[in-house]
Protein backbone atom coordinates (compact mmCIF):
# COMPACT_ATOMS: atom_id res chain seq x y z
CA MET A 1 -154.75 55.35 -24.74
CA THR A 2 -152.94 52.02 -25.07
CA GLY A 3 -153.35 49.91 -28.20
CA ILE A 4 -151.42 47.30 -30.06
CA LEU A 5 -148.84 49.84 -31.22
CA ASP A 6 -147.91 50.45 -27.59
CA ARG A 7 -147.29 46.79 -26.83
CA PRO A 8 -143.74 45.48 -26.42
CA LEU A 9 -142.25 43.05 -28.94
CA ALA A 10 -139.98 40.25 -27.74
CA LEU A 11 -137.36 39.34 -30.34
CA PRO A 12 -136.13 35.75 -30.79
CA ASN A 13 -133.02 36.42 -28.71
CA GLY A 14 -135.07 37.70 -25.76
CA VAL A 15 -134.46 41.41 -26.31
CA ALA A 16 -137.68 43.47 -26.18
CA LEU A 17 -138.68 46.59 -28.08
CA LYS A 18 -140.97 48.83 -26.00
CA ASN A 19 -143.49 49.37 -28.82
CA ARG A 20 -144.24 48.56 -32.45
CA ILE A 21 -143.09 51.81 -34.07
CA ALA A 22 -139.61 52.22 -35.49
CA LYS A 23 -137.87 55.23 -36.91
CA ALA A 24 -136.73 53.84 -40.25
CA ALA A 25 -133.21 54.33 -41.56
CA MET A 26 -132.68 57.61 -43.40
CA THR A 27 -129.28 58.78 -44.51
CA GLU A 28 -128.28 61.80 -42.42
CA GLY A 29 -125.17 63.26 -44.08
CA LEU A 30 -124.01 64.77 -40.77
CA ALA A 31 -120.48 63.36 -40.41
CA ASP A 32 -117.45 65.65 -40.23
CA GLU A 33 -114.65 65.79 -42.77
CA TYR A 34 -113.16 62.62 -41.27
CA ASN A 35 -116.49 60.77 -41.55
CA ARG A 36 -116.90 60.76 -37.78
CA ALA A 37 -120.13 61.04 -35.79
CA THR A 38 -120.76 64.55 -34.49
CA GLY A 39 -122.86 66.38 -31.95
CA ARG A 40 -125.48 66.87 -34.64
CA HIS A 41 -126.11 63.11 -34.64
CA GLU A 42 -126.56 63.27 -30.89
CA THR A 43 -129.05 66.16 -31.09
CA LEU A 44 -130.99 64.59 -33.96
CA TYR A 45 -131.37 61.16 -32.39
CA ARG A 46 -132.30 62.56 -29.02
CA ARG A 47 -135.16 64.39 -30.75
CA TRP A 48 -136.27 61.23 -32.51
CA ALA A 49 -135.96 59.08 -29.39
CA GLU A 50 -137.98 61.52 -27.32
CA GLY A 51 -140.65 61.31 -30.03
CA GLY A 52 -141.66 57.88 -28.78
CA ALA A 53 -140.45 55.27 -31.29
CA GLY A 54 -139.25 52.10 -29.60
CA LEU A 55 -136.55 51.46 -32.19
CA LEU A 56 -134.34 53.92 -34.07
CA LEU A 57 -132.42 52.65 -37.10
CA THR A 58 -129.51 54.86 -38.12
CA GLY A 59 -128.83 55.85 -41.69
CA ASN A 60 -126.05 54.15 -43.62
CA VAL A 61 -122.88 53.69 -41.56
CA MET A 62 -120.36 52.67 -44.16
CA ILE A 63 -117.78 49.92 -43.77
CA ASP A 64 -115.34 51.22 -46.39
CA LYS A 65 -114.40 54.89 -46.74
CA ARG A 66 -113.53 54.43 -50.40
CA TYR A 67 -117.13 53.64 -51.38
CA LEU A 68 -119.57 55.92 -49.61
CA GLU A 69 -123.28 56.27 -50.23
CA ARG A 70 -122.76 60.04 -49.86
CA PRO A 71 -119.89 62.18 -48.56
CA GLY A 72 -121.44 62.89 -45.16
CA ASN A 73 -121.66 59.23 -44.11
CA VAL A 74 -120.22 58.02 -40.83
CA VAL A 75 -117.60 55.34 -41.55
CA ILE A 76 -116.19 52.51 -39.45
CA ASP A 77 -113.16 51.52 -41.46
CA GLY A 78 -110.41 49.73 -39.55
CA PRO A 79 -109.25 50.55 -36.01
CA GLN A 80 -111.11 53.44 -34.39
CA THR A 81 -109.45 56.27 -32.52
CA GLU A 82 -110.73 57.19 -29.08
CA GLU A 83 -112.25 60.33 -30.57
CA GLN A 84 -114.16 58.25 -33.11
CA LEU A 85 -115.38 55.90 -30.39
CA GLN A 86 -116.51 58.75 -28.17
CA GLY A 87 -118.55 60.26 -31.00
CA LEU A 88 -120.30 56.93 -31.55
CA ARG A 89 -120.92 56.49 -27.81
CA ARG A 90 -122.56 59.89 -27.53
CA TRP A 91 -124.73 59.14 -30.56
CA ALA A 92 -125.94 55.85 -29.10
CA ARG A 93 -126.45 57.28 -25.61
CA ALA A 94 -128.73 60.03 -26.94
CA ALA A 95 -131.28 57.39 -27.95
CA ARG A 96 -130.79 55.09 -24.96
CA ASP A 97 -131.32 57.98 -22.52
CA ALA A 98 -134.89 58.21 -23.87
CA ASP A 99 -135.39 54.44 -23.43
CA ALA A 100 -135.21 53.66 -27.15
CA HIS A 101 -133.25 50.96 -28.93
CA ILE A 102 -130.78 52.29 -31.48
CA TRP A 103 -129.48 49.91 -34.12
CA MET A 104 -126.65 50.84 -36.44
CA GLN A 105 -127.38 50.20 -40.11
CA LEU A 106 -124.20 48.87 -41.76
CA SER A 107 -123.75 49.30 -45.49
CA HIS A 108 -121.45 49.22 -48.50
CA ALA A 109 -122.63 51.39 -51.40
CA GLY A 110 -121.15 49.24 -54.17
CA ARG A 111 -121.79 50.72 -57.61
CA GLN A 112 -124.18 53.28 -56.08
CA SER A 113 -121.28 55.32 -54.73
CA PRO A 114 -121.51 58.70 -56.55
CA ILE A 115 -118.76 59.69 -58.94
CA TYR A 116 -117.67 62.67 -56.81
CA VAL A 117 -116.85 60.13 -54.07
CA ALA A 118 -115.63 57.13 -56.10
CA THR A 119 -114.73 57.53 -59.77
CA GLU A 120 -114.47 53.74 -60.04
CA PRO A 121 -116.83 52.05 -57.60
CA VAL A 122 -116.90 48.30 -57.05
CA ALA A 123 -119.65 45.76 -57.63
CA PRO A 124 -120.11 42.03 -58.17
CA SER A 125 -119.66 42.61 -61.92
CA ALA A 126 -118.66 45.53 -64.14
CA VAL A 127 -122.28 46.47 -64.86
CA LYS A 128 -122.95 50.20 -64.80
CA LEU A 129 -126.10 51.74 -63.37
CA SER A 130 -128.72 52.56 -66.00
CA LEU A 131 -129.18 56.16 -64.95
CA PRO A 132 -128.79 59.44 -66.87
CA GLY A 133 -126.63 62.35 -65.84
CA GLY A 134 -123.24 60.73 -65.30
CA GLN A 135 -123.60 60.66 -61.51
CA PHE A 136 -122.11 57.17 -61.14
CA GLY A 137 -118.96 55.70 -62.64
CA LYS A 138 -118.63 52.28 -64.23
CA PRO A 139 -117.77 49.79 -61.49
CA ARG A 140 -115.10 47.15 -61.54
CA ALA A 141 -115.81 43.63 -60.37
CA LEU A 142 -114.62 42.71 -56.91
CA ARG A 143 -111.97 39.99 -56.69
CA PRO A 144 -112.69 36.98 -54.44
CA HIS A 145 -110.27 38.11 -51.73
CA GLU A 146 -111.90 41.56 -51.75
CA ILE A 147 -115.31 39.97 -51.16
CA GLU A 148 -113.88 38.20 -48.12
CA ASP A 149 -112.57 41.58 -46.97
CA VAL A 150 -116.08 43.06 -47.28
CA ILE A 151 -117.41 40.35 -44.97
CA ALA A 152 -114.66 41.04 -42.43
CA ARG A 153 -115.43 44.77 -42.57
CA PHE A 154 -119.11 44.19 -41.79
CA ALA A 155 -118.16 42.01 -38.83
CA HIS A 156 -115.66 44.57 -37.53
CA ALA A 157 -118.14 47.42 -37.80
CA ALA A 158 -120.75 45.37 -35.93
CA SER A 159 -118.28 44.76 -33.11
CA VAL A 160 -117.60 48.51 -32.88
CA ALA A 161 -121.34 49.21 -32.81
CA LYS A 162 -121.77 46.87 -29.85
CA GLN A 163 -118.68 48.27 -28.12
CA THR A 164 -119.95 51.85 -28.35
CA GLY A 165 -123.46 51.22 -26.99
CA PHE A 166 -125.62 50.66 -30.05
CA THR A 167 -128.18 48.09 -29.01
CA GLY A 168 -128.23 46.20 -32.32
CA VAL A 169 -127.17 46.28 -35.97
CA GLN A 170 -128.94 46.06 -39.30
CA ILE A 171 -127.20 44.69 -42.39
CA HIS A 172 -128.35 46.66 -45.45
CA ALA A 173 -129.11 44.11 -48.18
CA ALA A 174 -131.65 46.23 -50.08
CA HIS A 175 -132.01 49.29 -52.34
CA GLY A 176 -129.28 48.37 -54.81
CA TYR A 177 -126.30 48.67 -52.46
CA LEU A 178 -123.51 46.09 -52.61
CA ILE A 179 -125.17 43.08 -50.95
CA SER A 180 -128.35 43.77 -52.90
CA GLU A 181 -126.26 43.89 -56.07
CA PHE A 182 -124.87 40.44 -55.34
CA LEU A 183 -128.42 39.13 -54.92
CA SER A 184 -129.52 40.54 -58.29
CA PRO A 185 -128.83 38.49 -61.44
CA ARG A 186 -128.91 41.75 -63.44
CA ALA A 187 -126.01 43.23 -61.47
CA ASN A 188 -124.27 39.96 -60.56
CA GLN A 189 -123.04 38.19 -63.68
CA ARG A 190 -120.24 36.27 -62.00
CA ASP A 191 -119.52 32.62 -62.80
CA ASP A 192 -117.65 31.75 -59.59
CA ASP A 193 -118.85 30.83 -56.08
CA TRP A 194 -120.36 34.32 -55.65
CA GLY A 195 -122.63 34.30 -58.72
CA GLY A 196 -124.98 32.23 -60.80
CA SER A 197 -127.40 30.30 -58.58
CA LEU A 198 -129.41 32.05 -55.88
CA GLU A 199 -127.42 30.19 -53.26
CA ASN A 200 -124.22 31.65 -54.68
CA ARG A 201 -125.68 35.14 -55.11
CA ALA A 202 -126.83 35.06 -51.48
CA ARG A 203 -123.46 33.83 -50.23
CA LEU A 204 -122.18 37.33 -49.41
CA LEU A 205 -125.25 38.09 -47.29
CA MET A 206 -125.27 34.73 -45.49
CA GLN A 207 -121.52 34.78 -44.82
CA THR A 208 -121.84 38.35 -43.55
CA ILE A 209 -124.60 37.32 -41.10
CA LYS A 210 -122.46 34.44 -39.89
CA ALA A 211 -119.40 36.65 -39.38
CA VAL A 212 -121.37 39.39 -37.65
CA ARG A 213 -123.03 36.91 -35.31
CA ALA A 214 -119.62 35.47 -34.41
CA GLN A 215 -118.50 38.96 -33.39
CA VAL A 216 -121.53 40.15 -31.43
CA GLY A 217 -122.90 36.95 -29.89
CA SER A 218 -126.33 35.35 -29.77
CA GLY A 219 -127.93 37.85 -27.39
CA TYR A 220 -127.29 40.92 -29.54
CA PRO A 221 -129.94 41.89 -32.13
CA VAL A 222 -128.93 41.36 -35.76
CA SER A 223 -131.39 42.60 -38.39
CA VAL A 224 -131.44 42.57 -42.18
CA LYS A 225 -133.08 44.95 -44.63
CA LEU A 226 -134.09 42.93 -47.70
CA ASN A 227 -135.75 43.83 -50.98
CA SER A 228 -139.05 42.18 -51.77
CA SER A 229 -138.17 42.93 -55.37
CA ASP A 230 -135.83 45.10 -57.40
CA PHE A 231 -138.79 45.92 -59.68
CA GLN A 232 -136.60 45.27 -62.72
CA LYS A 233 -136.98 42.60 -65.39
CA GLY A 234 -134.46 39.88 -64.74
CA GLY A 235 -133.61 41.25 -61.30
CA PHE A 236 -134.06 39.96 -57.78
CA GLY A 237 -137.75 39.11 -57.49
CA PRO A 238 -140.29 37.94 -54.90
CA GLU A 239 -139.66 34.19 -55.26
CA ASP A 240 -135.93 34.63 -54.72
CA SER A 241 -136.58 37.00 -51.86
CA ILE A 242 -138.87 34.55 -50.06
CA GLN A 243 -136.19 31.87 -50.30
CA VAL A 244 -133.54 34.23 -48.93
CA ALA A 245 -135.91 35.18 -46.11
CA LYS A 246 -136.19 31.47 -45.21
CA TRP A 247 -132.42 31.20 -45.08
CA LEU A 248 -132.19 34.31 -42.91
CA SER A 249 -134.82 32.91 -40.56
CA ASP A 250 -132.87 29.66 -40.27
CA ALA A 251 -129.72 31.70 -39.56
CA GLY A 252 -131.41 33.33 -36.55
CA VAL A 253 -131.88 36.89 -37.77
CA ASP A 254 -133.82 38.80 -35.11
CA LEU A 255 -135.80 41.21 -37.31
CA LEU A 256 -136.30 41.31 -41.08
CA GLU A 257 -137.26 44.62 -42.64
CA ILE A 258 -139.10 44.39 -45.95
CA SER A 259 -138.39 47.00 -48.62
CA GLY A 260 -137.85 47.19 -52.35
CA GLY A 261 -136.30 49.02 -55.27
CA SER A 262 -132.95 50.62 -56.04
CA TYR A 263 -131.63 53.85 -57.51
CA GLU A 264 -132.67 52.56 -60.94
CA GLN A 265 -136.19 51.71 -59.73
CA PRO A 266 -136.65 53.81 -56.57
CA ALA A 267 -139.78 52.22 -55.11
CA MET A 268 -138.54 52.92 -51.58
CA MET A 269 -138.31 56.66 -52.32
CA ASP A 270 -141.85 57.01 -53.72
CA MET A 271 -140.44 58.94 -56.66
CA ASP A 272 -143.06 57.66 -59.04
CA GLY A 273 -146.36 57.26 -57.20
CA MET A 274 -145.54 54.14 -55.25
CA GLU A 275 -149.06 53.96 -53.85
CA ALA A 276 -150.25 52.77 -57.26
CA ARG A 277 -147.18 50.75 -58.22
CA TYR A 278 -147.02 47.82 -55.89
CA GLU A 279 -149.31 44.91 -56.56
CA GLU A 280 -151.20 45.16 -53.28
CA ALA A 281 -152.67 48.47 -54.43
CA LYS A 282 -154.33 46.56 -57.26
CA ARG A 283 -155.92 43.92 -55.05
CA GLU A 284 -159.41 43.98 -53.62
CA THR A 285 -159.21 43.98 -49.84
CA THR A 286 -161.55 44.49 -46.92
CA ARG A 287 -159.11 46.52 -44.89
CA ALA A 288 -157.25 49.73 -45.49
CA ARG A 289 -153.76 49.17 -46.92
CA GLU A 290 -151.25 51.96 -46.52
CA ALA A 291 -147.78 50.41 -46.51
CA TYR A 292 -146.30 49.54 -49.88
CA PHE A 293 -144.91 46.10 -49.00
CA LEU A 294 -147.57 44.53 -46.77
CA THR A 295 -148.74 41.95 -49.31
CA TYR A 296 -145.20 40.73 -49.69
CA ALA A 297 -144.73 40.66 -45.91
CA GLU A 298 -147.73 38.34 -45.68
CA GLU A 299 -146.03 35.94 -48.08
CA ILE A 300 -142.83 36.07 -46.04
CA ARG A 301 -144.85 35.35 -42.90
CA LYS A 302 -145.93 32.02 -44.41
CA ALA A 303 -142.35 31.04 -45.13
CA ALA A 304 -140.25 32.35 -42.25
CA SER A 305 -140.65 32.78 -38.51
CA THR A 306 -138.54 35.94 -38.23
CA PRO A 307 -140.32 39.03 -36.83
CA LEU A 308 -141.07 41.42 -39.66
CA MET A 309 -140.80 45.18 -40.05
CA VAL A 310 -142.45 47.03 -42.93
CA THR A 311 -141.51 50.61 -43.87
CA GLY A 312 -143.02 52.84 -46.51
CA GLY A 313 -146.43 54.41 -46.77
CA PHE A 314 -147.77 54.19 -43.23
CA ARG A 315 -149.66 57.36 -42.43
CA SER A 316 -152.39 56.52 -39.89
CA ALA A 317 -152.72 54.81 -36.54
CA ALA A 318 -155.57 52.71 -37.95
CA GLY A 319 -153.46 51.49 -40.86
CA MET A 320 -150.56 50.58 -38.62
CA GLU A 321 -152.80 48.86 -36.08
CA ALA A 322 -154.46 46.85 -38.86
CA ALA A 323 -151.08 45.73 -40.17
CA VAL A 324 -149.89 44.52 -36.76
CA THR A 325 -153.23 43.03 -35.68
CA SER A 326 -153.55 41.05 -38.90
CA GLY A 327 -150.08 39.61 -38.43
CA ALA A 328 -148.75 41.11 -41.66
CA CYS A 329 -145.91 42.71 -39.71
CA ASP A 330 -144.67 43.13 -36.15
CA VAL A 331 -143.08 46.57 -36.43
CA CYS A 332 -144.19 49.60 -38.47
CA GLY A 333 -141.41 51.81 -39.79
CA LEU A 334 -141.85 55.57 -40.18
CA GLY A 335 -139.37 57.68 -42.10
CA ARG A 336 -140.17 60.92 -43.86
CA PRO A 337 -143.01 62.07 -41.56
CA LEU A 338 -140.52 62.10 -38.66
CA CYS A 339 -138.37 64.60 -40.54
CA VAL A 340 -141.21 67.10 -40.21
CA ASP A 341 -142.56 66.12 -36.79
CA PRO A 342 -140.32 63.83 -34.72
CA ASN A 343 -143.14 63.40 -32.17
CA PHE A 344 -145.54 61.56 -34.48
CA PRO A 345 -145.03 58.15 -32.77
CA LYS A 346 -145.99 59.55 -29.38
CA LYS A 347 -148.95 61.42 -30.87
CA LEU A 348 -150.23 58.34 -32.73
CA MET A 349 -149.99 56.06 -29.72
CA SER A 350 -151.66 58.57 -27.37
CA GLY A 351 -154.50 59.29 -29.78
CA GLU A 352 -153.54 62.96 -30.10
CA VAL A 353 -153.49 62.50 -33.87
CA GLU A 354 -155.03 59.79 -36.00
CA ARG A 355 -153.17 60.45 -39.23
CA MET A 356 -149.93 62.01 -40.39
CA PRO A 357 -150.02 64.26 -43.44
CA SER A 358 -148.76 62.86 -46.71
CA TYR A 359 -145.43 64.42 -47.60
CA GLU A 360 -146.74 65.97 -50.82
CA LYS A 361 -148.87 68.32 -48.71
CA MET A 362 -145.80 69.47 -46.83
CA MET A 363 -144.30 71.13 -49.89
CA ALA A 364 -144.96 74.50 -51.41
CA ILE A 365 -144.57 72.93 -54.83
CA GLY A 366 -145.40 69.24 -55.35
CA PRO A 367 -142.87 66.53 -56.18
CA GLY A 368 -143.80 66.57 -59.85
CA PHE A 369 -142.75 70.14 -60.49
CA PHE A 370 -140.32 68.99 -63.20
CA GLY A 371 -143.22 67.45 -65.10
CA PRO A 372 -145.50 65.29 -62.97
CA ASN A 373 -146.53 63.02 -65.84
CA SER A 374 -143.19 62.89 -67.59
CA SER A 375 -141.96 59.49 -68.78
CA SER A 376 -138.40 60.81 -68.74
CA THR A 377 -136.11 58.99 -66.33
CA LEU A 378 -134.15 62.22 -65.88
CA MET A 379 -137.28 64.18 -64.93
CA LYS A 380 -138.33 61.48 -62.48
CA ALA A 381 -134.86 61.51 -60.93
CA MET A 382 -134.91 65.31 -60.60
CA ASN A 383 -138.30 65.13 -58.91
CA GLY A 384 -137.02 62.51 -56.52
CA PHE A 385 -133.87 64.41 -55.59
CA ALA A 386 -135.89 67.59 -55.05
CA VAL A 387 -138.18 65.74 -52.66
CA MET A 388 -135.13 64.35 -50.89
CA GLY A 389 -133.78 67.88 -50.55
CA PHE A 390 -136.91 68.87 -48.63
CA PHE A 391 -136.40 66.11 -46.09
CA TYR A 392 -132.64 66.62 -45.82
CA ASP A 393 -133.21 70.29 -45.06
CA ASN A 394 -135.48 69.30 -42.20
CA ILE A 395 -133.06 66.67 -40.90
CA TYR A 396 -130.37 69.37 -40.78
CA ARG A 397 -132.74 71.67 -38.90
CA LEU A 398 -133.54 69.00 -36.31
CA ALA A 399 -129.82 68.24 -35.95
CA ASP A 400 -129.16 71.94 -35.29
CA GLY A 401 -131.90 72.13 -32.65
CA LEU A 402 -134.23 74.18 -34.85
CA GLU A 403 -137.89 73.77 -35.69
CA THR A 404 -138.73 72.08 -38.96
CA LYS A 405 -140.47 73.66 -41.95
CA GLU A 406 -143.68 72.20 -43.31
CA LYS A 407 -143.53 74.26 -46.50
CA MET A 408 -140.55 74.56 -48.78
CA ALA A 409 -140.05 75.45 -52.44
CA MET A 410 -138.68 72.44 -54.26
CA LEU A 411 -136.27 74.00 -56.76
CA PRO A 412 -134.21 75.80 -54.08
CA ALA A 413 -134.26 72.59 -52.00
CA LEU A 414 -132.83 70.64 -54.94
CA ILE A 415 -130.11 73.22 -55.57
CA ARG A 416 -129.16 73.40 -51.87
CA PHE A 417 -128.92 69.62 -51.68
CA GLN A 418 -126.65 69.31 -54.72
CA MET A 419 -124.39 72.15 -53.58
CA HIS A 420 -124.21 70.76 -50.05
CA GLU A 421 -123.16 67.29 -51.25
CA ARG A 422 -120.35 68.62 -53.40
CA LYS A 423 -119.13 70.95 -50.68
CA VAL A 424 -118.97 68.09 -48.19
CA ALA A 425 -117.24 65.86 -50.76
CA LYS A 426 -114.54 68.49 -51.35
CA ALA A 427 -113.93 68.81 -47.62
CA LEU A 428 -113.37 65.06 -47.06
CA ARG A 429 -109.99 64.10 -45.62
CA ARG A 430 -108.98 61.07 -47.63
């Protein structure tokens, strides 16, 4: 069976994706103690590539070892040894051997670097995350020359990605990481050229795109992941985001992925019933709406010509086909379902299955086991991290060549995740 999901997509630079399904970026935590790619990356991405998605986006590959998103991140930080390069080449080849594109997601964690990695993270301004539990230290504001260094690091990492066989890169400007922090007037309280007006707050992102493009050339795909909204009062909102999307379109970005939220407001993680949170769920519509950010994508479509990718909430072939057919997006991103069954893209496109299960049904105990109706930020965070533990466990199983588990008790998953992160952090070679 061949439908719209099976059709190729030509990007502005002439590169074509073989279909309209992408494996969305999910942090893997599989690097060794030197933050190098390992054979587990190779095994994992071969599984995902063989599952049928035309595009695989890696999890965060960090550009600065001092400020990781988590201790098991792969890092491209300065000159790479031959051993580092070989690990990256094997990772990329695993996807290309199955005829899939693999784009490296490049990121700087900013103030969202956990305290057991960075006791003093960096940010546009010294504004601490509003989260309980003491998991993140108070950041210090980056100096102007350090911001220029961040841009150079993104460009260098992109050049290494191209050199080692990754078929594109994605700049992570969403979810409260460093570039997203610069975009947000809540986190960015600077009064120099990097803060204040939207043009200044977007300067880091736009200069990064320019520097990356200078390194990789016009024929190499450059993507951006951008928040539709931070979902915080006084934060980066839809109007600002639409303007930034216009600028990115003018700059020749090849694919724009629409997302939203941050650690403080984790819309992208579905920690708090995202299906009912985003405005499109409140609107009357004649067609089924699954993905969280489709309404916003439709607004972007009016303002920018860049091909669009939407991730978050897709669960059925019909919902994905409706999104692409309507023009709301060009690529549908799948994340968590592929941690349980990496073959879902192939099954959806062939008609073997019509719908993927919602992740709540994959757990022995639901995500709200710490109080499903609690208004406590701490309880919500514990629920979210427990859910994450379920998916991380399955990512590790896929990376080890094992079968995944559809049922898992949440409390042990949470404990295993927390213990694993601290063990990996202790083993890091600084």
